Amino acid sequence: MIRKATIKDIKKIHVLLQEYGKKEELLARPLSELYDHVRDFCVYEDKSHNMIGCCALQFCWEDLAEIRSLAVHPDHLGQSIGTELAQSVLTEAKSFNIRKIFTLTYKPDFFKQFGFVEIERSELPLKIWGDCMICVKFPDCDEIAMMKQL
């Protein structure tokens, strides 16, 4: 089941993102930032109400949003949970009349199944570079920028 995240989910989201951050498979976010953006997140719960996945939709501009922090607990990979989370935030973006959605990822093949195409990071608006400036990999980012027209 997918639902909007609550304050109670943030520490679990943090642990999950830290796990993938240590493997350099996504950008781990500080706990304080996750609390700031709790409304951006949705979580996937199993039947026992254990949070096993998360994804955020962050609005950047009136017609532009970003999918970020998509992660599924390693014990639950291969069960289409990531796909369901991605579809959920794409649906949410459409409900806000977002016309373009992007992501920065190490898993381009995953996003290609939703119609995302690779773009140059320089095609993204300057507004999104605020996060990049505080990233440990800046200025040597190796994530792949992808965009989808909705």
N, C-alpha and C. Protein backbone atom coordinates (compact mmCIF):
# COMPACT_ATOMS: atom_id res chain seq x y z
N MET A 1 0.84 -1.18 0.00
CA MET A 1 0.00 0.00 0.00
C MET A 1 0.89 1.25 0.00
N ILE A 2 0.54 2.20 -0.83
CA ILE A 2 1.26 3.47 -0.90
C ILE A 2 0.42 4.55 -0.23
N ARG A 3 1.08 5.34 0.61
CA ARG A 3 0.40 6.45 1.29
C ARG A 3 1.37 7.60 1.43
N LYS A 4 0.85 8.77 1.75
CA LYS A 4 1.70 9.92 2.01
C LYS A 4 2.48 9.68 3.32
N ALA A 5 3.71 10.13 3.34
CA ALA A 5 4.55 9.97 4.52
C ALA A 5 4.08 10.88 5.64
N THR A 6 4.38 10.47 6.86
CA THR A 6 4.10 11.27 8.04
C THR A 6 5.42 11.52 8.78
N ILE A 7 5.36 12.38 9.75
CA ILE A 7 6.55 12.66 10.58
C ILE A 7 7.13 11.37 11.15
N LYS A 8 6.27 10.44 11.53
CA LYS A 8 6.74 9.18 12.12
C LYS A 8 7.56 8.33 11.15
N ASP A 9 7.41 8.57 9.85
CA ASP A 9 8.14 7.80 8.84
C ASP A 9 9.55 8.31 8.59
N ILE A 10 9.84 9.52 8.98
CA ILE A 10 11.08 10.17 8.55
C ILE A 10 12.33 9.42 9.00
N LYS A 11 12.39 8.94 10.21
CA LYS A 11 13.59 8.23 10.66
C LYS A 11 13.79 6.94 9.87
N LYS A 12 12.71 6.26 9.52
CA LYS A 12 12.82 5.04 8.71
C LYS A 12 13.26 5.38 7.28
N ILE A 13 12.73 6.46 6.74
CA ILE A 13 13.16 6.92 5.42
C ILE A 13 14.65 7.25 5.45
N HIS A 14 15.07 7.93 6.50
CA HIS A 14 16.48 8.31 6.65
C HIS A 14 17.38 7.08 6.66
N VAL A 15 17.02 6.07 7.42
CA VAL A 15 17.81 4.84 7.49
C VAL A 15 17.91 4.18 6.12
N LEU A 16 16.78 4.10 5.42
CA LEU A 16 16.76 3.49 4.09
C LEU A 16 17.64 4.26 3.11
N LEU A 17 17.52 5.58 3.10
CA LEU A 17 18.33 6.38 2.18
C LEU A 17 19.81 6.34 2.55
N GLN A 18 20.12 6.27 3.83
CA GLN A 18 21.51 6.17 4.26
C GLN A 18 22.14 4.86 3.75
N GLU A 19 21.35 3.79 3.79
CA GLU A 19 21.84 2.49 3.32
C GLU A 19 22.28 2.57 1.86
N TYR A 20 21.45 3.18 1.02
CA TYR A 20 21.80 3.33 -0.39
C TYR A 20 22.86 4.40 -0.60
N GLY A 21 22.88 5.41 0.26
CA GLY A 21 23.89 6.44 0.18
C GLY A 21 25.28 5.89 0.44
N LYS A 22 25.41 4.98 1.38
CA LYS A 22 26.71 4.36 1.68
C LYS A 22 27.24 3.58 0.48
N LYS A 23 26.34 3.04 -0.31
CA LYS A 23 26.72 2.30 -1.52
C LYS A 23 26.86 3.23 -2.72
N GLU A 24 26.65 4.53 -2.49
CA GLU A 24 26.70 5.56 -3.53
C GLU A 24 25.73 5.26 -4.68
N GLU A 25 24.55 4.75 -4.32
CA GLU A 25 23.52 4.47 -5.31
C GLU A 25 22.46 5.57 -5.34
N LEU A 26 22.48 6.44 -4.37
CA LEU A 26 21.64 7.64 -4.37
C LEU A 26 22.22 8.62 -3.38
N LEU A 27 21.71 9.83 -3.44
CA LEU A 27 22.19 10.88 -2.55
C LEU A 27 21.43 10.78 -1.23
N ALA A 28 22.15 10.40 -0.18
CA ALA A 28 21.53 10.35 1.14
C ALA A 28 21.22 11.78 1.58
N ARG A 29 20.14 11.95 2.27
CA ARG A 29 19.69 13.28 2.69
C ARG A 29 19.82 13.40 4.20
N PRO A 30 20.20 14.58 4.69
CA PRO A 30 20.26 14.79 6.14
C PRO A 30 18.86 14.69 6.75
N LEU A 31 18.81 14.24 7.97
CA LEU A 31 17.53 14.07 8.68
C LEU A 31 16.74 15.37 8.69
N SER A 32 17.40 16.49 8.94
CA SER A 32 16.69 17.77 8.99
C SER A 32 16.03 18.11 7.65
N GLU A 33 16.69 17.77 6.56
CA GLU A 33 16.11 18.03 5.23
C GLU A 33 14.88 17.14 5.00
N LEU A 34 14.95 15.91 5.47
CA LEU A 34 13.80 15.01 5.30
C LEU A 34 12.59 15.53 6.07
N TYR A 35 12.79 16.05 7.27
CA TYR A 35 11.68 16.65 8.00
C TYR A 35 11.12 17.86 7.24
N ASP A 36 12.02 18.66 6.65
CA ASP A 36 11.59 19.83 5.87
C ASP A 36 10.71 19.42 4.68
N HIS A 37 10.94 18.23 4.14
CA HIS A 37 10.27 17.80 2.91
C HIS A 37 9.34 16.61 3.12
N VAL A 38 8.88 16.40 4.34
CA VAL A 38 8.03 15.24 4.63
C VAL A 38 6.82 15.19 3.70
N ARG A 39 6.26 16.33 3.34
CA ARG A 39 5.06 16.35 2.49
C ARG A 39 5.37 15.92 1.05
N ASP A 40 6.64 15.90 0.68
CA ASP A 40 7.02 15.46 -0.67
C ASP A 40 7.02 13.94 -0.80
N PHE A 41 7.10 13.24 0.31
CA PHE A 41 7.31 11.79 0.29
C PHE A 41 6.03 10.98 0.32
N CYS A 42 6.11 9.85 -0.36
CA CYS A 42 5.13 8.79 -0.16
C CYS A 42 5.93 7.56 0.27
N VAL A 43 5.26 6.65 0.95
CA VAL A 43 5.92 5.43 1.42
C VAL A 43 5.09 4.22 1.00
N TYR A 44 5.78 3.12 0.89
CA TYR A 44 5.15 1.84 0.57
C TYR A 44 5.20 1.00 1.84
N GLU A 45 4.04 0.53 2.27
CA GLU A 45 3.95 -0.33 3.45
C GLU A 45 3.54 -1.73 3.03
N ASP A 46 4.08 -2.72 3.74
CA ASP A 46 3.61 -4.08 3.52
C ASP A 46 2.36 -4.33 4.35
N LYS A 47 1.84 -5.54 4.32
CA LYS A 47 0.59 -5.85 5.02
C LYS A 47 0.70 -5.70 6.54
N SER A 48 1.93 -5.78 7.05
CA SER A 48 2.16 -5.62 8.49
C SER A 48 2.47 -4.17 8.86
N HIS A 49 2.28 -3.25 7.91
CA HIS A 49 2.52 -1.82 8.09
C HIS A 49 3.99 -1.47 8.30
N ASN A 50 4.88 -2.29 7.75
CA ASN A 50 6.30 -1.97 7.77
C ASN A 50 6.61 -1.13 6.53
N MET A 51 7.29 -0.02 6.72
CA MET A 51 7.67 0.82 5.61
C MET A 51 8.84 0.16 4.89
N ILE A 52 8.65 -0.17 3.60
CA ILE A 52 9.70 -0.87 2.87
C ILE A 52 10.16 -0.11 1.61
N GLY A 53 9.60 1.05 1.39
CA GLY A 53 10.02 1.84 0.24
C GLY A 53 9.57 3.28 0.39
N CYS A 54 10.24 4.16 -0.36
CA CYS A 54 9.85 5.58 -0.33
C CYS A 54 10.20 6.24 -1.65
N CYS A 55 9.58 7.36 -1.88
CA CYS A 55 9.85 8.17 -3.07
C CYS A 55 9.34 9.57 -2.79
N ALA A 56 10.03 10.56 -3.34
CA ALA A 56 9.60 11.96 -3.15
C ALA A 56 9.35 12.61 -4.51
N LEU A 57 8.39 13.49 -4.50
CA LEU A 57 8.10 14.35 -5.65
C LEU A 57 8.30 15.78 -5.17
N GLN A 58 9.32 16.43 -5.70
CA GLN A 58 9.61 17.80 -5.29
C GLN A 58 9.29 18.75 -6.45
N PHE A 59 8.48 19.75 -6.16
CA PHE A 59 8.13 20.74 -7.16
C PHE A 59 9.25 21.76 -7.26
N CYS A 60 9.64 22.07 -8.49
CA CYS A 60 10.73 23.00 -8.73
C CYS A 60 10.25 24.31 -9.33
N TRP A 61 9.19 24.24 -10.10
CA TRP A 61 8.68 25.39 -10.82
C TRP A 61 7.21 25.11 -11.11
N GLU A 62 6.52 26.03 -11.72
CA GLU A 62 5.09 25.82 -11.95
C GLU A 62 4.79 24.63 -12.84
N ASP A 63 5.74 24.25 -13.69
CA ASP A 63 5.49 23.14 -14.60
C ASP A 63 6.58 22.07 -14.55
N LEU A 64 7.42 22.11 -13.52
CA LEU A 64 8.57 21.21 -13.42
C LEU A 64 8.67 20.62 -12.02
N ALA A 65 8.89 19.30 -11.98
CA ALA A 65 9.07 18.61 -10.69
C ALA A 65 10.18 17.58 -10.84
N GLU A 66 10.64 17.09 -9.70
CA GLU A 66 11.72 16.08 -9.67
C GLU A 66 11.27 14.87 -8.88
N ILE A 67 11.57 13.70 -9.41
CA ILE A 67 11.45 12.46 -8.63
C ILE A 67 12.79 12.28 -7.94
N ARG A 68 12.75 12.11 -6.62
CA ARG A 68 13.99 11.93 -5.88
C ARG A 68 13.80 10.94 -4.75
N SER A 69 14.90 10.44 -4.26
CA SER A 69 14.92 9.56 -3.08
C SER A 69 14.02 8.34 -3.24
N LEU A 70 14.04 7.73 -4.43
CA LEU A 70 13.29 6.50 -4.66
C LEU A 70 14.15 5.34 -4.17
N ALA A 71 13.65 4.63 -3.16
CA ALA A 71 14.41 3.53 -2.58
C ALA A 71 13.47 2.46 -2.06
N VAL A 72 13.90 1.21 -2.20
CA VAL A 72 13.16 0.05 -1.71
C VAL A 72 14.12 -0.77 -0.86
N HIS A 73 13.63 -1.23 0.28
CA HIS A 73 14.46 -2.05 1.16
C HIS A 73 15.03 -3.22 0.36
N PRO A 74 16.34 -3.49 0.50
CA PRO A 74 16.98 -4.55 -0.29
C PRO A 74 16.30 -5.92 -0.20
N ASP A 75 15.67 -6.22 0.92
CA ASP A 75 14.98 -7.51 1.06
C ASP A 75 13.73 -7.61 0.20
N HIS A 76 13.30 -6.50 -0.38
CA HIS A 76 12.04 -6.47 -1.14
C HIS A 76 12.24 -6.05 -2.59
N LEU A 77 13.47 -6.10 -3.07
CA LEU A 77 13.72 -5.76 -4.47
C LEU A 77 13.11 -6.82 -5.39
N GLY A 78 12.78 -6.42 -6.59
CA GLY A 78 12.23 -7.35 -7.56
C GLY A 78 10.75 -7.65 -7.39
N GLN A 79 10.06 -6.86 -6.58
CA GLN A 79 8.64 -7.07 -6.32
C GLN A 79 7.78 -5.94 -6.90
N SER A 80 8.35 -5.14 -7.78
CA SER A 80 7.67 -4.02 -8.45
C SER A 80 7.29 -2.87 -7.51
N ILE A 81 7.87 -2.83 -6.33
CA ILE A 81 7.57 -1.77 -5.38
C ILE A 81 8.09 -0.43 -5.90
N GLY A 82 9.30 -0.40 -6.42
CA GLY A 82 9.85 0.82 -7.00
C GLY A 82 9.01 1.31 -8.16
N THR A 83 8.54 0.39 -8.97
CA THR A 83 7.67 0.75 -10.10
C THR A 83 6.38 1.38 -9.60
N GLU A 84 5.77 0.79 -8.59
CA GLU A 84 4.53 1.34 -8.04
C GLU A 84 4.74 2.72 -7.44
N LEU A 85 5.87 2.90 -6.74
CA LEU A 85 6.17 4.21 -6.16
C LEU A 85 6.37 5.25 -7.26
N ALA A 86 7.11 4.90 -8.28
CA ALA A 86 7.34 5.84 -9.39
C ALA A 86 6.03 6.20 -10.08
N GLN A 87 5.20 5.21 -10.34
CA GLN A 87 3.91 5.48 -10.98
C GLN A 87 3.04 6.38 -10.10
N SER A 88 3.12 6.18 -8.80
CA SER A 88 2.33 6.98 -7.88
C SER A 88 2.73 8.45 -7.95
N VAL A 89 4.02 8.74 -7.95
CA VAL A 89 4.43 10.15 -7.99
C VAL A 89 4.21 10.75 -9.37
N LEU A 90 4.30 9.95 -10.42
CA LEU A 90 3.97 10.46 -11.76
C LEU A 90 2.50 10.86 -11.83
N THR A 91 1.64 10.04 -11.24
CA THR A 91 0.22 10.37 -11.19
C THR A 91 -0.02 11.64 -10.39
N GLU A 92 0.68 11.76 -9.27
CA GLU A 92 0.55 12.97 -8.46
C GLU A 92 1.01 14.20 -9.24
N ALA A 93 2.11 14.07 -9.96
CA ALA A 93 2.61 15.20 -10.75
C ALA A 93 1.57 15.63 -11.78
N LYS A 94 0.94 14.67 -12.44
CA LYS A 94 -0.09 15.00 -13.42
C LYS A 94 -1.26 15.72 -12.77
N SER A 95 -1.60 15.33 -11.54
CA SER A 95 -2.73 15.96 -10.85
C SER A 95 -2.45 17.43 -10.54
N PHE A 96 -1.17 17.82 -10.52
CA PHE A 96 -0.78 19.21 -10.30
C PHE A 96 -0.47 19.93 -11.62
N ASN A 97 -0.81 19.28 -12.73
CA ASN A 97 -0.58 19.84 -14.06
C ASN A 97 0.90 20.11 -14.35
N ILE A 98 1.75 19.28 -13.79
CA ILE A 98 3.18 19.37 -14.09
C ILE A 98 3.37 18.88 -15.53
N ARG A 99 4.15 19.60 -16.30
CA ARG A 99 4.36 19.22 -17.71
C ARG A 99 5.66 18.46 -17.93
N LYS A 100 6.66 18.69 -17.05
CA LYS A 100 7.94 18.01 -17.20
C LYS A 100 8.39 17.51 -15.82
N ILE A 101 8.94 16.32 -15.82
CA ILE A 101 9.46 15.76 -14.58
C ILE A 101 10.84 15.19 -14.87
N PHE A 102 11.77 15.44 -13.97
CA PHE A 102 13.13 14.94 -14.18
C PHE A 102 13.60 14.16 -12.98
N THR A 103 14.70 13.47 -13.18
CA THR A 103 15.35 12.76 -12.10
C THR A 103 16.85 12.74 -12.37
N LEU A 104 17.61 12.62 -11.33
CA LEU A 104 19.05 12.39 -11.42
C LEU A 104 19.26 11.00 -10.84
N THR A 105 19.84 10.09 -11.60
CA THR A 105 19.82 8.69 -11.21
C THR A 105 21.09 7.94 -11.62
N TYR A 106 21.30 6.82 -10.96
CA TYR A 106 22.31 5.85 -11.37
C TYR A 106 21.65 4.65 -12.04
N LYS A 107 20.34 4.68 -12.16
CA LYS A 107 19.57 3.56 -12.72
C LYS A 107 18.72 4.03 -13.91
N PRO A 108 19.36 4.47 -14.99
CA PRO A 108 18.58 5.02 -16.11
C PRO A 108 17.62 4.01 -16.74
N ASP A 109 17.99 2.75 -16.78
CA ASP A 109 17.10 1.76 -17.39
C ASP A 109 15.77 1.67 -16.65
N PHE A 110 15.80 1.84 -15.34
CA PHE A 110 14.56 1.81 -14.56
C PHE A 110 13.62 2.92 -15.04
N PHE A 111 14.15 4.12 -15.19
CA PHE A 111 13.31 5.27 -15.56
C PHE A 111 12.92 5.26 -17.03
N LYS A 112 13.70 4.61 -17.87
CA LYS A 112 13.35 4.53 -19.29
C LYS A 112 12.01 3.82 -19.49
N GLN A 113 11.67 2.87 -18.62
CA GLN A 113 10.40 2.15 -18.76
C GLN A 113 9.19 3.07 -18.59
N PHE A 114 9.39 4.25 -18.01
CA PHE A 114 8.31 5.22 -17.82
C PHE A 114 8.34 6.32 -18.89
N GLY A 115 9.26 6.21 -19.82
CA GLY A 115 9.34 7.22 -20.88
C GLY A 115 10.33 8.34 -20.62
N PHE A 116 11.17 8.21 -19.60
CA PHE A 116 12.22 9.20 -19.36
C PHE A 116 13.31 9.02 -20.41
N VAL A 117 13.90 10.14 -20.80
CA VAL A 117 15.03 10.11 -21.73
C VAL A 117 16.20 10.86 -21.10
N GLU A 118 17.39 10.40 -21.45
CA GLU A 118 18.59 11.04 -20.92
C GLU A 118 18.75 12.43 -21.53
N ILE A 119 19.16 13.37 -20.68
CA ILE A 119 19.44 14.74 -21.11
C ILE A 119 20.75 15.19 -20.49
N GLU A 120 21.28 16.27 -20.98
CA GLU A 120 22.46 16.88 -20.36
C GLU A 120 22.00 17.61 -19.10
N ARG A 121 22.78 17.50 -18.03
CA ARG A 121 22.42 18.21 -16.79
C ARG A 121 22.30 19.71 -17.03
N SER A 122 23.04 20.22 -17.98
CA SER A 122 22.99 21.66 -18.28
C SER A 122 21.62 22.10 -18.80
N GLU A 123 20.77 21.14 -19.22
CA GLU A 123 19.43 21.47 -19.68
C GLU A 123 18.47 21.75 -18.52
N LEU A 124 18.87 21.39 -17.32
CA LEU A 124 18.02 21.61 -16.16
C LEU A 124 18.15 23.05 -15.70
N PRO A 125 17.07 23.61 -15.15
CA PRO A 125 17.14 25.01 -14.72
C PRO A 125 18.10 25.21 -13.55
N LEU A 126 18.66 26.41 -13.47
CA LEU A 126 19.62 26.72 -12.42
C LEU A 126 19.06 26.49 -11.03
N LYS A 127 17.75 26.61 -10.86
CA LYS A 127 17.12 26.46 -9.55
C LYS A 127 17.46 25.13 -8.89
N ILE A 128 17.62 24.08 -9.67
CA ILE A 128 17.86 22.76 -9.08
C ILE A 128 19.30 22.59 -8.61
N TRP A 129 20.19 23.47 -8.99
CA TRP A 129 21.59 23.30 -8.65
C TRP A 129 21.90 23.61 -7.19
N GLY A 130 20.94 24.13 -6.45
CA GLY A 130 21.16 24.40 -5.03
C GLY A 130 21.55 23.15 -4.27
N ASP A 131 20.86 22.04 -4.53
CA ASP A 131 21.20 20.77 -3.88
C ASP A 131 22.57 20.29 -4.33
N CYS A 132 22.89 20.52 -5.59
CA CYS A 132 24.17 20.05 -6.12
C CYS A 132 25.35 20.72 -5.39
N MET A 133 25.18 21.97 -5.05
CA MET A 133 26.26 22.72 -4.41
C MET A 133 26.68 22.12 -3.07
N ILE A 134 25.75 21.43 -2.39
CA ILE A 134 26.08 20.85 -1.08
C ILE A 134 26.35 19.35 -1.15
N CYS A 135 26.32 18.79 -2.35
CA CYS A 135 26.55 17.36 -2.54
C CYS A 135 28.03 17.05 -2.39
N VAL A 136 28.34 15.90 -1.79
CA VAL A 136 29.73 15.50 -1.61
C VAL A 136 30.42 15.24 -2.95
N LYS A 137 29.66 15.00 -4.00
CA LYS A 137 30.25 14.72 -5.31
C LYS A 137 30.41 15.97 -6.18
N PHE A 138 29.94 17.11 -5.70
CA PHE A 138 30.07 18.33 -6.49
C PHE A 138 31.53 18.74 -6.58
N PRO A 139 32.05 19.12 -7.71
CA PRO A 139 31.40 19.32 -9.00
C PRO A 139 31.51 18.11 -9.93
N ASP A 140 31.91 16.97 -9.41
CA ASP A 140 32.14 15.78 -10.24
C ASP A 140 30.97 14.82 -10.22
N CYS A 141 29.79 15.34 -10.44
CA CYS A 141 28.57 14.53 -10.41
C CYS A 141 28.63 13.45 -11.49
N ASP A 142 28.25 12.24 -11.12
CA ASP A 142 28.20 11.17 -12.10
C ASP A 142 26.81 10.59 -12.26
N GLU A 143 25.81 11.30 -11.70
CA GLU A 143 24.43 10.86 -11.90
C GLU A 143 23.99 11.21 -13.32
N ILE A 144 23.02 10.47 -13.81
CA ILE A 144 22.49 10.68 -15.15
C ILE A 144 21.19 11.47 -15.02
N ALA A 145 21.12 12.58 -15.76
CA ALA A 145 19.91 13.40 -15.77
C ALA A 145 18.94 12.83 -16.80
N MET A 146 17.67 12.75 -16.40
CA MET A 146 16.63 12.22 -17.28
C MET A 146 15.38 13.09 -17.16
N MET A 147 14.64 13.18 -18.26
CA MET A 147 13.45 14.03 -18.29
C MET A 147 12.31 13.27 -18.95
N LYS A 148 11.09 13.57 -18.51
CA LYS A 148 9.88 13.01 -19.12
C LYS A 148 8.89 14.15 -19.31
N GLN A 149 8.30 14.21 -20.47
CA GLN A 149 7.22 15.15 -20.74
C GLN A 149 5.91 14.49 -20.32
N LEU A 150 5.09 15.17 -19.55
CA LEU A 150 3.81 14.60 -19.12
C LEU A 150 2.68 15.10 -20.00
